[in-house]
Amino acid sequence: MPLTKNNNAKKYITRIRKKNLKPKGVDTLKYCGTVKFNEDALVIQKKLRNEWQ
């Protein structure tokens, strides 16, 4: 239901939370911290950007 003048955002969000709707897509938080790198992420990023030059 889209937000209208009669329906404020706080009530809309509260109603959605009560329904316990699950977000679509992949749960990315379960993958957080699982990849280990030998270098600093910023150094890797700079190397990848320099490949385009």
PDB file of N, CA and C in Angstrom:
ATOM      1  N   MET A   1       0.846  -1.177   0.000  1.00  0.00           N
ATOM      2  CA  MET A   1       0.000   0.000   0.000  1.00  0.00           C
ATOM      3  C   MET A   1       0.891   1.240   0.000  1.00  0.00           C
ATOM      4  N   PRO A   2       0.760   2.086  -0.993  1.00  0.00           N
ATOM      5  CA  PRO A   2       1.596   3.290  -1.042  1.00  0.00           C
ATOM      6  C   PRO A   2       1.209   4.287   0.043  1.00  0.00           C
ATOM      7  N   LEU A   3       2.177   5.098   0.401  1.00  0.00           N
ATOM      8  CA  LEU A   3       1.925   6.114   1.414  1.00  0.00           C
ATOM      9  C   LEU A   3       1.067   7.238   0.833  1.00  0.00           C
ATOM     10  N   THR A   4       0.089   7.663   1.590  1.00  0.00           N
ATOM     11  CA  THR A   4      -0.769   8.763   1.175  1.00  0.00           C
ATOM     12  C   THR A   4      -0.842   9.766   2.305  1.00  0.00           C
ATOM     13  N   LYS A   5      -1.603  10.840   2.111  1.00  0.00           N
ATOM     14  CA  LYS A   5      -1.760  11.837   3.155  1.00  0.00           C
ATOM     15  C   LYS A   5      -2.475  11.253   4.373  1.00  0.00           C
ATOM     16  N   ASN A   6      -3.358  10.293   4.163  1.00  0.00           N
ATOM     17  CA  ASN A   6      -4.112   9.687   5.254  1.00  0.00           C
ATOM     18  C   ASN A   6      -3.328   8.593   5.974  1.00  0.00           C
ATOM     19  N   ASN A   7      -2.238   8.174   5.413  1.00  0.00           N
ATOM     20  CA  ASN A   7      -1.502   7.024   5.923  1.00  0.00           C
ATOM     21  C   ASN A   7      -0.047   7.432   6.145  1.00  0.00           C
ATOM     22  N   ASN A   8       0.332   7.745   7.362  1.00  0.00           N
ATOM     23  CA  ASN A   8       1.705   8.216   7.569  1.00  0.00           C
ATOM     24  C   ASN A   8       2.701   7.068   7.572  1.00  0.00           C
ATOM     25  N   ALA A   9       3.964   7.378   7.411  1.00  0.00           N
ATOM     26  CA  ALA A   9       5.013   6.386   7.235  1.00  0.00           C
ATOM     27  C   ALA A   9       5.197   5.507   8.467  1.00  0.00           C
ATOM     28  N   LYS A  10       5.080   6.071   9.647  1.00  0.00           N
ATOM     29  CA  LYS A  10       5.315   5.294  10.862  1.00  0.00           C
ATOM     30  C   LYS A  10       4.298   4.163  11.003  1.00  0.00           C
ATOM     31  N   LYS A  11       3.038   4.444  10.742  1.00  0.00           N
ATOM     32  CA  LYS A  11       2.010   3.407  10.820  1.00  0.00           C
ATOM     33  C   LYS A  11       2.241   2.337   9.762  1.00  0.00           C
ATOM     34  N   TYR A  12       2.638   2.755   8.578  1.00  0.00           N
ATOM     35  CA  TYR A  12       2.895   1.828   7.477  1.00  0.00           C
ATOM     36  C   TYR A  12       4.038   0.874   7.818  1.00  0.00           C
ATOM     37  N   ILE A  13       5.121   1.418   8.343  1.00  0.00           N
ATOM     38  CA  ILE A  13       6.275   0.593   8.705  1.00  0.00           C
ATOM     39  C   ILE A  13       5.922  -0.349   9.845  1.00  0.00           C
ATOM     40  N   THR A  14       5.191   0.133  10.822  1.00  0.00           N
ATOM     41  CA  THR A  14       4.781  -0.708  11.942  1.00  0.00           C
ATOM     42  C   THR A  14       3.935  -1.876  11.457  1.00  0.00           C
ATOM     43  N   ARG A  15       3.044  -1.638  10.540  1.00  0.00           N
ATOM     44  CA  ARG A  15       2.182  -2.693  10.010  1.00  0.00           C
ATOM     45  C   ARG A  15       3.009  -3.740   9.268  1.00  0.00           C
ATOM     46  N   ILE A  16       4.013  -3.313   8.519  1.00  0.00           N
ATOM     47  CA  ILE A  16       4.873  -4.246   7.794  1.00  0.00           C
ATOM     48  C   ILE A  16       5.677  -5.093   8.776  1.00  0.00           C
ATOM     49  N   ARG A  17       6.200  -4.483   9.823  1.00  0.00           N
ATOM     50  CA  ARG A  17       6.982  -5.227  10.817  1.00  0.00           C
ATOM     51  C   ARG A  17       6.138  -6.280  11.514  1.00  0.00           C
ATOM     52  N   LYS A  18       4.880  -5.982  11.767  1.00  0.00           N
ATOM     53  CA  LYS A  18       4.000  -6.941  12.433  1.00  0.00           C
ATOM     54  C   LYS A  18       3.743  -8.161  11.557  1.00  0.00           C
ATOM     55  N   LYS A  19       3.798  -7.990  10.254  1.00  0.00           N
ATOM     56  CA  LYS A  19       3.565  -9.100   9.330  1.00  0.00           C
ATOM     57  C   LYS A  19       4.787 -10.017   9.219  1.00  0.00           C
ATOM     58  N   ASN A  20       5.939  -9.582   9.749  1.00  0.00           N
ATOM     59  CA  ASN A  20       7.195 -10.348   9.693  1.00  0.00           C
ATOM     60  C   ASN A  20       7.562 -10.722   8.261  1.00  0.00           C
ATOM     61  N   LEU A  21       7.467  -9.770   7.371  1.00  0.00           N
ATOM     62  CA  LEU A  21       7.823 -10.010   5.983  1.00  0.00           C
ATOM     63  C   LEU A  21       9.334 -10.170   5.854  1.00  0.00           C
ATOM     64  N   LYS A  22       9.748 -11.158   5.082  1.00  0.00           N
ATOM     65  CA  LYS A  22      11.170 -11.365   4.854  1.00  0.00           C
ATOM     66  C   LYS A  22      11.581 -10.627   3.592  1.00  0.00           C
ATOM     67  N   PRO A  23      12.746  -9.974   3.615  1.00  0.00           N
ATOM     68  CA  PRO A  23      13.206  -9.277   2.416  1.00  0.00           C
ATOM     69  C   PRO A  23      13.562 -10.263   1.315  1.00  0.00           C
ATOM     70  N   LYS A  24      13.381  -9.846   0.079  1.00  0.00           N
ATOM     71  CA  LYS A  24      13.736 -10.688  -1.056  1.00  0.00           C
ATOM     72  C   LYS A  24      15.237 -10.615  -1.283  1.00  0.00           C
ATOM     73  N   GLY A  25      15.784 -11.662  -1.849  1.00  0.00           N
ATOM     74  CA  GLY A  25      17.197 -11.663  -2.192  1.00  0.00           C
ATOM     75  C   GLY A  25      18.023 -12.530  -1.264  1.00  0.00           C
ATOM     76  N   VAL A  26      19.301 -12.268  -1.242  1.00  0.00           N
ATOM     77  CA  VAL A  26      20.263 -13.050  -0.489  1.00  0.00           C
ATOM     78  C   VAL A  26      20.554 -12.385   0.844  1.00  0.00           C
ATOM     79  N   ASP A  27      20.673 -13.177   1.900  1.00  0.00           N
ATOM     80  CA  ASP A  27      21.055 -12.647   3.207  1.00  0.00           C
ATOM     81  C   ASP A  27      22.564 -12.456   3.204  1.00  0.00           C
ATOM     82  N   THR A  28      23.013 -11.242   2.919  1.00  0.00           N
ATOM     83  CA  THR A  28      24.445 -10.972   2.775  1.00  0.00           C
ATOM     84  C   THR A  28      25.176 -10.946   4.111  1.00  0.00           C
ATOM     85  N   LEU A  29      24.471 -10.741   5.213  1.00  0.00           N
ATOM     86  CA  LEU A  29      25.134 -10.684   6.515  1.00  0.00           C
ATOM     87  C   LEU A  29      25.758 -12.016   6.908  1.00  0.00           C
ATOM     88  N   LYS A  30      25.227 -13.128   6.412  1.00  0.00           N
ATOM     89  CA  LYS A  30      25.801 -14.420   6.777  1.00  0.00           C
ATOM     90  C   LYS A  30      27.167 -14.633   6.125  1.00  0.00           C
ATOM     91  N   TYR A  31      27.486 -13.862   5.085  1.00  0.00           N
ATOM     92  CA  TYR A  31      28.778 -13.968   4.409  1.00  0.00           C
ATOM     93  C   TYR A  31      29.786 -12.935   4.902  1.00  0.00           C
ATOM     94  N   CYS A  32      29.391 -12.063   5.789  1.00  0.00           N
ATOM     95  CA  CYS A  32      30.257 -11.005   6.266  1.00  0.00           C
ATOM     96  C   CYS A  32      31.459 -11.575   7.020  1.00  0.00           C
ATOM     97  N   GLY A  33      32.655 -11.218   6.576  1.00  0.00           N
ATOM     98  CA  GLY A  33      33.874 -11.653   7.245  1.00  0.00           C
ATOM     99  C   GLY A  33      34.353 -13.032   6.859  1.00  0.00           C
ATOM    100  N   THR A  34      33.781 -13.662   5.847  1.00  0.00           N
ATOM    101  CA  THR A  34      34.183 -15.020   5.499  1.00  0.00           C
ATOM    102  C   THR A  34      35.351 -15.061   4.521  1.00  0.00           C
ATOM    103  N   VAL A  35      35.603 -13.964   3.806  1.00  0.00           N
ATOM    104  CA  VAL A  35      36.698 -13.924   2.841  1.00  0.00           C
ATOM    105  C   VAL A  35      37.906 -13.271   3.499  1.00  0.00           C
ATOM    106  N   LYS A  36      39.038 -13.927   3.436  1.00  0.00           N
ATOM    107  CA  LYS A  36      40.275 -13.400   4.011  1.00  0.00           C
ATOM    108  C   LYS A  36      41.238 -13.037   2.886  1.00  0.00           C
ATOM    109  N   PHE A  37      41.791 -11.838   2.951  1.00  0.00           N
ATOM    110  CA  PHE A  37      42.731 -11.363   1.950  1.00  0.00           C
ATOM    111  C   PHE A  37      44.120 -11.249   2.566  1.00  0.00           C
ATOM    112  N   ASN A  38      45.148 -11.431   1.724  1.00  0.00           N
ATOM    113  CA  ASN A  38      46.526 -11.299   2.180  1.00  0.00           C
ATOM    114  C   ASN A  38      46.973  -9.838   2.189  1.00  0.00           C
ATOM    115  N   GLU A  39      46.257  -8.986   1.448  1.00  0.00           N
ATOM    116  CA  GLU A  39      46.592  -7.573   1.346  1.00  0.00           C
ATOM    117  C   GLU A  39      45.451  -6.732   1.899  1.00  0.00           C
ATOM    118  N   ASP A  40      45.762  -5.464   2.100  1.00  0.00           N
ATOM    119  CA  ASP A  40      44.747  -4.509   2.515  1.00  0.00           C
ATOM    120  C   ASP A  40      43.755  -4.304   1.370  1.00  0.00           C
ATOM    121  N   ALA A  41      42.486  -4.173   1.683  1.00  0.00           N
ATOM    122  CA  ALA A  41      41.451  -4.027   0.664  1.00  0.00           C
ATOM    123  C   ALA A  41      41.667  -2.786  -0.191  1.00  0.00           C
ATOM    124  N   LEU A  42      42.152  -1.725   0.387  1.00  0.00           N
ATOM    125  CA  LEU A  42      42.389  -0.497  -0.365  1.00  0.00           C
ATOM    126  C   LEU A  42      43.509  -0.683  -1.392  1.00  0.00           C
ATOM    127  N   VAL A  43      44.530  -1.435  -1.047  1.00  0.00           N
ATOM    128  CA  VAL A  43      45.627  -1.710  -1.980  1.00  0.00           C
ATOM    129  C   VAL A  43      45.115  -2.535  -3.158  1.00  0.00           C
ATOM    130  N   ILE A  44      44.287  -3.531  -2.876  1.00  0.00           N
ATOM    131  CA  ILE A  44      43.705  -4.359  -3.937  1.00  0.00           C
ATOM    132  C   ILE A  44      42.845  -3.505  -4.855  1.00  0.00           C
ATOM    133  N   GLN A  45      42.047  -2.621  -4.279  1.00  0.00           N
ATOM    134  CA  GLN A  45      41.165  -1.761  -5.060  1.00  0.00           C
ATOM    135  C   GLN A  45      41.973  -0.844  -5.980  1.00  0.00           C
ATOM    136  N   LYS A  46      43.050  -0.278  -5.478  1.00  0.00           N
ATOM    137  CA  LYS A  46      43.886   0.600  -6.299  1.00  0.00           C
ATOM    138  C   LYS A  46      44.530  -0.171  -7.447  1.00  0.00           C
ATOM    139  N   LYS A  47      44.971  -1.402  -7.195  1.00  0.00           N
ATOM    140  CA  LYS A  47      45.555  -2.231  -8.257  1.00  0.00           C
ATOM    141  C   LYS A  47      44.529  -2.502  -9.348  1.00  0.00           C
ATOM    142  N   LEU A  48      43.307  -2.839  -8.950  1.00  0.00           N
ATOM    143  CA  LEU A  48      42.267  -3.124  -9.934  1.00  0.00           C
ATOM    144  C   LEU A  48      41.915  -1.886 -10.738  1.00  0.00           C
ATOM    145  N   ARG A  49      41.890  -0.729 -10.116  1.00  0.00           N
ATOM    146  CA  ARG A  49      41.589   0.508 -10.845  1.00  0.00           C
ATOM    147  C   ARG A  49      42.705   0.871 -11.814  1.00  0.00           C
ATOM    148  N   ASN A  50      43.957   0.580 -11.462  1.00  0.00           N
ATOM    149  CA  ASN A  50      45.086   0.906 -12.314  1.00  0.00           C
ATOM    150  C   ASN A  50      45.153   0.002 -13.536  1.00  0.00           C
ATOM    151  N   GLU A  51      44.485  -1.148 -13.505  1.00  0.00           N
ATOM    152  CA  GLU A  51      44.484  -2.036 -14.664  1.00  0.00           C
ATOM    153  C   GLU A  51      43.791  -1.399 -15.857  1.00  0.00           C
ATOM    154  N   TRP A  52      42.890  -0.451 -15.625  1.00  0.00           N
ATOM    155  CA  TRP A  52      42.145   0.184 -16.699  1.00  0.00           C
ATOM    156  C   TRP A  52      42.973   1.248 -17.413  1.00  0.00           C
ATOM    157  N   GLN A  53      44.040   1.694 -16.818  1.00  0.00           N
ATOM    158  CA  GLN A  53      44.826   2.792 -17.433  1.00  0.00           C
ATOM    159  C   GLN A  53      45.812   2.289 -18.444  1.00  0.00           C
TER     160      GLN A  53
END
